[in-house]
Amino acid sequence: MGPLKTHLKNGFFTSSPEPFFFPDIGTFFNQDESIAFELIDRLHDAGCKFLKGEILHSEDICLPKDICGTESYYNPETGKMVTENYRELIERKVISFKTYERIFEHSKKLGMKLVLSVYDHEGISFANAMDCRVLKIASSNINHQHLIHLVAQTGIPMVIDTGKASLEDISRAVQWAKDGGAEDLLIQHSPPAPPKPHSAQNLNFMKTLGEFYGLPFGLSDHSNCNRMLLAAVAIGARVLEKGICQDSPNPDQDVAHALPIGRVRESLESLNIIHQAMGKGVYDHSSPPAKHPSRMGLVLRSGVRAGDEINDTNIGFAFPALSIDAQEWPNIKGKTYRSDLKKGTVLEWGHVKF
């Protein structure tokens, strides 16, 4: 299969010279509004312009307890996997629309823009009513054609998280989004979480995705540090998403790869520094280069008389180039001196007879 060029407009994701940082509080607060408000306040204080969340408003998004099976996640404190009934996990994450509204209105009052993962029509409608700026298709829904169509039809900028999907899954989802009318789309790389090692991150795959589909690309970071975010900036990611938890969280789903809230400010500063350091990749012609003080010029290493040949015996090179630069040596060598000169004289054009 050749590259699937979508030729979408992609206005939002390329509208800023800096990449967008989406700090994801998700449901790390487990229905505790006070924790959600604290995380939002501290994200704002750290300089975050966006708030990433999700809309889980009904436990019926999961099958009943006796048939739903289990979900496993890594506990970094014990180094072991925790297994939990999937329905029970969802039930302690579900939040009413009224509670979501209070939480998101608080962030909006602080000037933070909303980015939300949605899982159904009701969630999409609510996100739209909350003036959500970006809607996300979670990796678990990359095969959900109906949901992808619904999100695409809103006209809201859209992120598709690839997760563990195959290239066939990804290509199909991108085409569904395009068929649904999406004109502002970003493809997101989502590497495996701990206990997988950093060698499993395959960050360069982000760029491969972007080039293959003709889309801006981003990272949903699932590492247990902030280094992958920093590397993603250097690769050219337009969106950097990272789970955010309390500084001393209890073991829970996704906590193993979340960034403690106390490290957000330093991480943002590092991201900004790296972005600025990468530059535009083109030569800066805005001003002529200054004369380099450490480049060598021609100087006499011995005294000479008028008519003597200019050669390696009587010419040397020394810092700085006060008159004739070292680069002129091929044009000077073999010519003669116009006058007698002393050892140590800086060679000038007027000393050379052509």
Protein backbone atom coordinates (compact mmCIF):
# COMPACT_ATOMS: atom_id res chain seq x y z
CA MET A 1 0.00 0.00 0.00
CA GLY A 2 1.38 3.40 -0.96
CA PRO A 3 1.13 6.61 1.07
CA LEU A 4 -2.44 7.73 1.69
CA LYS A 5 -2.27 11.50 1.14
CA THR A 6 -5.36 13.08 2.66
CA HIS A 7 -4.62 16.69 1.65
CA LEU A 8 -6.61 18.01 4.60
CA LYS A 9 -6.34 21.64 5.61
CA ASN A 10 -5.00 20.98 9.14
CA GLY A 11 -5.32 24.59 10.21
CA PHE A 12 -5.45 24.22 13.98
CA PHE A 13 -2.55 21.84 14.52
CA THR A 14 -0.19 23.96 12.43
CA SER A 15 -1.49 27.34 13.58
CA SER A 16 1.17 27.82 16.25
CA PRO A 17 4.95 27.73 15.84
CA GLU A 18 5.18 25.89 19.17
CA PRO A 19 3.79 22.39 19.64
CA PHE A 20 0.66 22.07 21.76
CA PHE A 21 0.99 20.47 25.21
CA PHE A 22 -2.16 18.60 26.26
CA PRO A 23 -1.94 17.74 30.00
CA ASP A 24 -4.41 14.91 30.54
CA ILE A 25 -6.06 14.74 33.96
CA GLY A 26 -8.44 12.11 32.52
CA THR A 27 -10.05 10.53 35.53
CA PHE A 28 -6.95 10.39 37.70
CA PHE A 29 -9.03 12.18 40.31
CA ASN A 30 -11.50 9.24 40.58
CA GLN A 31 -14.69 11.31 41.03
CA ASP A 32 -13.04 13.60 43.61
CA GLU A 33 -13.78 17.12 42.33
CA SER A 34 -11.39 18.74 44.78
CA ILE A 35 -8.46 16.84 43.24
CA ALA A 36 -9.61 17.79 39.74
CA PHE A 37 -9.78 21.47 40.72
CA GLU A 38 -6.34 21.29 42.35
CA LEU A 39 -4.79 19.70 39.26
CA ILE A 40 -6.37 22.34 37.02
CA ASP A 41 -5.19 25.22 39.21
CA ARG A 42 -1.65 23.91 39.29
CA LEU A 43 -1.59 23.24 35.56
CA HIS A 44 -2.69 26.82 34.97
CA ASP A 45 -0.03 28.13 37.37
CA ALA A 46 2.58 26.09 35.49
CA GLY A 47 1.64 27.84 32.24
CA CYS A 48 -0.56 25.22 30.56
CA LYS A 49 -2.96 26.62 27.96
CA PHE A 50 -4.98 23.44 27.43
CA LEU A 51 -6.74 20.88 29.60
CA LYS A 52 -7.09 17.34 28.30
CA GLY A 53 -9.86 15.15 29.71
CA GLU A 54 -12.38 12.52 28.73
CA ILE A 55 -16.14 12.10 28.88
CA LEU A 56 -17.06 8.91 30.73
CA HIS A 57 -20.63 9.70 31.83
CA SER A 58 -22.21 6.23 31.99
CA GLU A 59 -21.03 2.92 33.40
CA ASP A 60 -22.99 1.21 30.63
CA ILE A 61 -20.09 1.94 28.31
CA CYS A 62 -18.86 -1.37 29.76
CA LEU A 63 -20.66 -4.74 29.86
CA PRO A 64 -21.97 -6.10 33.20
CA LYS A 65 -19.52 -7.37 35.81
CA ASP A 66 -20.18 -11.05 35.27
CA ILE A 67 -19.29 -11.00 31.57
CA CYS A 68 -16.98 -8.00 31.03
CA GLY A 69 -13.73 -9.66 32.06
CA THR A 70 -10.80 -7.86 33.65
CA GLU A 71 -8.41 -5.00 32.96
CA SER A 72 -4.73 -5.12 33.95
CA TYR A 73 -2.40 -2.24 34.71
CA TYR A 74 1.09 -1.87 36.10
CA ASN A 75 1.82 -0.92 39.71
CA PRO A 76 5.24 0.82 39.74
CA GLU A 77 5.51 0.47 43.52
CA THR A 78 5.37 -3.32 43.49
CA GLY A 79 6.61 -3.88 39.96
CA LYS A 80 3.63 -6.15 39.35
CA MET A 81 0.47 -6.08 37.27
CA VAL A 82 -2.84 -5.36 39.00
CA THR A 83 -5.99 -7.08 37.70
CA GLU A 84 -9.38 -5.48 38.25
CA ASN A 85 -12.90 -6.20 37.05
CA TYR A 86 -13.38 -3.94 34.01
CA ARG A 87 -16.88 -2.81 35.01
CA GLU A 88 -15.80 -1.95 38.55
CA LEU A 89 -12.89 0.09 37.20
CA ILE A 90 -15.22 2.03 34.90
CA GLU A 91 -17.76 2.58 37.67
CA ARG A 92 -15.23 4.42 39.83
CA LYS A 93 -14.23 6.59 36.87
CA VAL A 94 -17.68 7.60 35.61
CA ILE A 95 -18.71 11.22 36.26
CA SER A 96 -22.03 12.96 35.64
CA PHE A 97 -22.36 15.68 33.04
CA LYS A 98 -23.11 18.19 35.81
CA THR A 99 -19.84 17.35 37.55
CA TYR A 100 -17.92 17.52 34.29
CA GLU A 101 -19.50 20.90 33.60
CA ARG A 102 -18.32 22.30 36.95
CA ILE A 103 -14.80 20.98 36.37
CA PHE A 104 -14.51 22.22 32.80
CA GLU A 105 -16.12 25.60 33.50
CA HIS A 106 -13.45 26.11 36.15
CA SER A 107 -10.68 25.51 33.62
CA LYS A 108 -12.38 27.76 31.06
CA LYS A 109 -12.55 30.61 33.58
CA LEU A 110 -8.76 30.29 33.85
CA GLY A 111 -8.48 30.66 30.07
CA MET A 112 -7.64 27.01 29.40
CA LYS A 113 -8.99 25.39 26.22
CA LEU A 114 -10.58 21.95 26.36
CA VAL A 115 -9.36 18.80 24.58
CA LEU A 116 -11.64 15.81 25.21
CA SER A 117 -11.74 12.12 24.38
CA VAL A 118 -15.30 11.06 23.59
CA TYR A 119 -16.92 7.65 23.42
CA ASP A 120 -20.52 8.23 22.33
CA HIS A 121 -22.98 10.68 20.77
CA GLU A 122 -23.97 12.16 24.15
CA GLY A 123 -20.33 12.83 25.01
CA ILE A 124 -19.76 14.52 21.64
CA SER A 125 -22.79 16.77 22.11
CA PHE A 126 -21.68 17.72 25.62
CA ALA A 127 -18.11 18.44 24.48
CA ASN A 128 -19.47 20.63 21.69
CA ALA A 129 -21.65 22.53 24.15
CA MET A 130 -18.58 23.08 26.36
CA ASP A 131 -16.76 24.73 23.43
CA CYS A 132 -14.23 21.90 23.21
CA ARG A 133 -11.40 22.86 20.82
CA VAL A 134 -10.16 19.34 19.98
CA LEU A 135 -11.94 15.98 20.02
CA LYS A 136 -9.96 12.77 20.35
CA ILE A 137 -10.65 9.23 19.20
CA ALA A 138 -9.00 6.98 21.79
CA SER A 139 -6.92 4.11 20.45
CA SER A 140 -9.54 1.64 21.67
CA ASN A 141 -12.04 3.22 19.25
CA ILE A 142 -9.91 3.28 16.11
CA ASN A 143 -12.23 0.58 14.68
CA HIS A 144 -15.40 2.51 15.64
CA GLN A 145 -16.54 3.87 12.27
CA HIS A 146 -19.76 5.41 13.59
CA LEU A 147 -17.98 7.33 16.35
CA ILE A 148 -15.26 8.54 13.98
CA HIS A 149 -17.93 9.78 11.54
CA LEU A 150 -19.80 11.59 14.30
CA VAL A 151 -16.65 13.38 15.49
CA ALA A 152 -15.60 14.25 11.94
CA GLN A 153 -19.02 15.75 11.22
CA THR A 154 -18.69 18.26 14.07
CA GLY A 155 -15.94 20.13 12.21
CA ILE A 156 -13.95 20.30 15.46
CA PRO A 157 -10.21 19.56 15.05
CA MET A 158 -9.70 15.85 15.57
CA VAL A 159 -6.99 13.54 16.93
CA ILE A 160 -6.84 9.84 16.08
CA ASP A 161 -4.78 7.82 18.56
CA THR A 162 -3.21 4.79 16.89
CA GLY A 163 -2.35 2.75 20.00
CA LYS A 164 -1.61 -0.85 19.10
CA ALA A 165 -3.48 -0.62 15.79
CA SER A 166 -2.25 -2.17 12.57
CA LEU A 167 -1.48 -0.02 9.52
CA GLU A 168 -4.70 -1.34 8.03
CA ASP A 169 -6.65 -0.13 11.09
CA ILE A 170 -4.99 3.28 10.94
CA SER A 171 -5.53 3.74 7.20
CA ARG A 172 -9.16 2.79 7.53
CA ALA A 173 -9.74 5.20 10.44
CA VAL A 174 -8.08 8.08 8.59
CA GLN A 175 -10.25 7.38 5.54
CA TRP A 176 -13.39 7.22 7.71
CA ALA A 177 -12.51 10.60 9.21
CA LYS A 178 -11.96 12.09 5.76
CA ASP A 179 -15.20 10.59 4.47
CA GLY A 180 -16.99 12.08 7.46
CA GLY A 181 -15.81 15.55 6.53
CA ALA A 182 -12.78 16.02 8.80
CA GLU A 183 -10.64 18.91 7.58
CA ASP A 184 -8.41 19.34 10.62
CA LEU A 185 -6.87 16.02 11.61
CA LEU A 186 -3.79 14.87 13.54
CA ILE A 187 -2.44 11.33 13.76
CA GLN A 188 -1.08 10.36 17.18
CA HIS A 189 1.55 7.78 18.05
CA SER A 190 0.78 5.95 21.28
CA PRO A 191 3.68 3.74 22.45
CA PRO A 192 3.28 0.97 25.03
CA ALA A 193 3.28 1.78 28.73
CA PRO A 194 5.43 0.34 31.55
CA PRO A 195 6.65 -2.26 32.18
CA LYS A 196 7.67 -2.06 28.50
CA PRO A 197 11.20 -0.58 28.20
CA HIS A 198 12.06 2.72 26.55
CA SER A 199 13.43 0.78 23.59
CA ALA A 200 9.80 -0.05 22.72
CA GLN A 201 8.85 3.62 22.21
CA ASN A 202 9.76 3.75 18.49
CA LEU A 203 9.37 7.53 18.44
CA ASN A 204 10.53 7.90 14.84
CA PHE A 205 7.32 6.10 13.85
CA MET A 206 5.53 9.40 14.55
CA LYS A 207 7.28 11.01 11.61
CA THR A 208 6.61 7.95 9.47
CA LEU A 209 2.90 8.25 10.25
CA GLY A 210 2.86 11.94 9.39
CA GLU A 211 4.68 11.47 6.10
CA PHE A 212 2.66 8.41 5.08
CA TYR A 213 -0.74 10.02 5.68
CA GLY A 214 0.20 13.59 4.87
CA LEU A 215 -0.89 14.73 8.34
CA PRO A 216 0.60 16.56 11.31
CA PHE A 217 1.57 14.06 13.98
CA GLY A 218 1.83 13.94 17.75
CA LEU A 219 2.67 11.78 20.75
CA SER A 220 0.53 10.33 23.49
CA ASP A 221 3.36 9.71 25.94
CA HIS A 222 3.14 6.53 28.00
CA SER A 223 6.68 6.48 29.39
CA ASN A 224 7.52 6.78 33.09
CA CYS A 225 9.42 10.06 32.59
CA ASN A 226 9.29 13.23 30.49
CA ARG A 227 12.19 12.34 28.16
CA MET A 228 9.93 11.04 25.40
CA LEU A 229 8.16 14.41 25.29
CA LEU A 230 11.48 16.18 24.86
CA ALA A 231 12.53 13.82 22.07
CA ALA A 232 9.16 14.23 20.36
CA VAL A 233 9.68 18.00 20.13
CA ALA A 234 12.97 17.43 18.32
CA ILE A 235 11.29 15.01 15.91
CA GLY A 236 8.63 17.58 15.04
CA ALA A 237 5.52 16.51 16.97
CA ARG A 238 2.73 19.10 16.85
CA VAL A 239 0.88 17.69 19.88
CA LEU A 240 2.38 16.37 23.10
CA GLU A 241 -0.09 14.60 25.37
CA LYS A 242 0.82 13.39 28.85
CA GLY A 243 -1.23 12.05 31.76
CA ILE A 244 -1.01 14.23 34.89
CA CYS A 245 -1.52 12.89 38.40
CA GLN A 246 -0.98 14.07 41.96
CA ASP A 247 2.55 14.18 43.31
CA SER A 248 1.92 11.12 45.51
CA PRO A 249 -0.82 9.16 43.74
CA ASN A 250 -2.28 5.87 44.81
CA PRO A 251 -1.62 2.97 42.42
CA ASP A 252 -4.26 3.10 39.70
CA GLN A 253 -4.82 2.62 36.00
CA ASP A 254 -2.32 4.70 33.94
CA VAL A 255 -0.57 6.18 36.99
CA ALA A 256 2.61 4.29 36.06
CA HIS A 257 3.12 6.56 33.06
CA ALA A 258 1.61 9.80 34.38
CA LEU A 259 3.67 12.90 35.17
CA PRO A 260 3.36 14.18 38.75
CA ILE A 261 1.84 17.65 38.76
CA GLY A 262 4.91 19.06 40.53
CA ARG A 263 7.06 18.30 37.46
CA VAL A 264 4.87 19.99 34.88
CA ARG A 265 6.44 23.45 35.06
CA GLU A 266 10.01 22.19 34.57
CA SER A 267 8.86 19.91 31.77
CA LEU A 268 7.15 22.80 29.96
CA GLU A 269 10.26 24.93 30.31
CA SER A 270 12.41 22.13 28.86
CA LEU A 271 9.97 21.61 25.99
CA ASN A 272 10.06 25.33 25.13
CA ILE A 273 13.86 25.45 25.27
CA ILE A 274 14.22 22.46 22.96
CA HIS A 275 11.65 23.83 20.53
CA GLN A 276 13.46 27.17 20.35
CA ALA A 277 16.82 25.43 19.94
CA MET A 278 15.61 23.36 16.97
CA GLY A 279 15.12 26.49 14.86
CA LYS A 280 13.58 26.59 11.39
CA GLY A 281 16.21 24.50 9.63
CA VAL A 282 17.15 27.26 7.19
CA TYR A 283 20.06 29.69 7.01
CA ASP A 284 19.34 33.06 8.58
CA HIS A 285 19.94 35.80 6.00
CA SER A 286 18.38 38.53 8.13
CA SER A 287 21.76 40.11 8.89
CA PRO A 288 25.27 39.77 7.40
CA PRO A 289 27.60 37.53 9.40
CA ALA A 290 29.96 39.35 11.74
CA LYS A 291 33.70 39.12 11.15
CA HIS A 292 34.88 36.02 12.95
CA PRO A 293 37.56 36.90 15.57
CA SER A 294 39.07 33.42 15.54
CA ARG A 295 39.78 33.12 11.84
CA MET A 296 43.40 33.37 10.75
CA GLY A 297 45.05 35.99 8.60
CA LEU A 298 48.43 36.28 6.83
CA VAL A 299 51.47 37.57 8.73
CA LEU A 300 55.17 37.63 7.91
CA ARG A 301 57.18 34.98 9.71
CA SER A 302 60.47 36.56 8.57
CA GLY A 303 61.68 39.86 7.13
CA VAL A 304 61.52 40.25 3.33
CA ARG A 305 62.77 42.63 0.64
CA ALA A 306 60.85 44.17 -2.23
CA GLY A 307 60.63 41.71 -5.11
CA ASP A 308 60.89 38.57 -2.92
CA GLU A 309 58.40 35.83 -3.66
CA ILE A 310 55.49 35.33 -1.25
CA ASN A 311 55.77 31.69 -0.14
CA ASP A 312 55.49 29.25 2.77
CA THR A 313 58.97 30.21 3.98
CA ASN A 314 58.17 33.83 4.77
CA ILE A 315 54.39 33.76 5.35
CA GLY A 316 52.58 32.37 8.36
CA PHE A 317 49.01 32.45 9.71
CA ALA A 318 47.79 33.94 12.99
CA PHE A 319 44.60 35.01 14.82
CA PRO A 320 42.79 37.30 14.13
CA ALA A 321 42.59 38.17 10.43
CA LEU A 322 43.24 41.91 10.61
CA SER A 323 43.76 42.27 6.87
CA ILE A 324 44.11 39.40 4.37
CA ASP A 325 42.16 36.24 5.35
CA ALA A 326 43.71 32.77 5.19
CA GLN A 327 41.22 31.89 2.46
CA GLU A 328 43.08 34.27 0.12
CA TRP A 329 46.32 32.29 0.33
CA PRO A 330 45.89 30.59 -3.10
CA ASN A 331 45.55 34.05 -4.66
CA ILE A 332 48.59 35.45 -2.83
CA LYS A 333 51.08 32.59 -3.05
CA GLY A 334 53.73 33.11 -5.76
CA LYS A 335 53.19 36.87 -6.01
CA THR A 336 55.97 39.31 -4.89
CA TYR A 337 56.33 41.98 -2.23
CA ARG A 338 56.15 45.66 -3.20
CA SER A 339 58.45 46.82 -0.40
CA ASP A 340 60.72 45.72 2.40
CA LEU A 341 58.78 44.37 5.38
CA LYS A 342 59.71 43.31 8.90
CA LYS A 343 58.99 40.01 10.61
CA GLY A 344 55.56 40.09 12.27
CA THR A 345 54.02 42.52 9.79
CA VAL A 346 50.34 41.86 9.09
CA LEU A 347 50.19 41.39 5.34
CA GLU A 348 47.94 43.89 3.58
CA TRP A 349 46.82 44.08 -0.03
CA GLY A 350 49.03 47.08 -0.57
CA HIS A 351 52.11 44.94 0.22
CA VAL A 352 51.41 42.57 -2.68
CA LYS A 353 52.50 43.14 -6.25
CA PHE A 354 50.18 41.47 -8.79
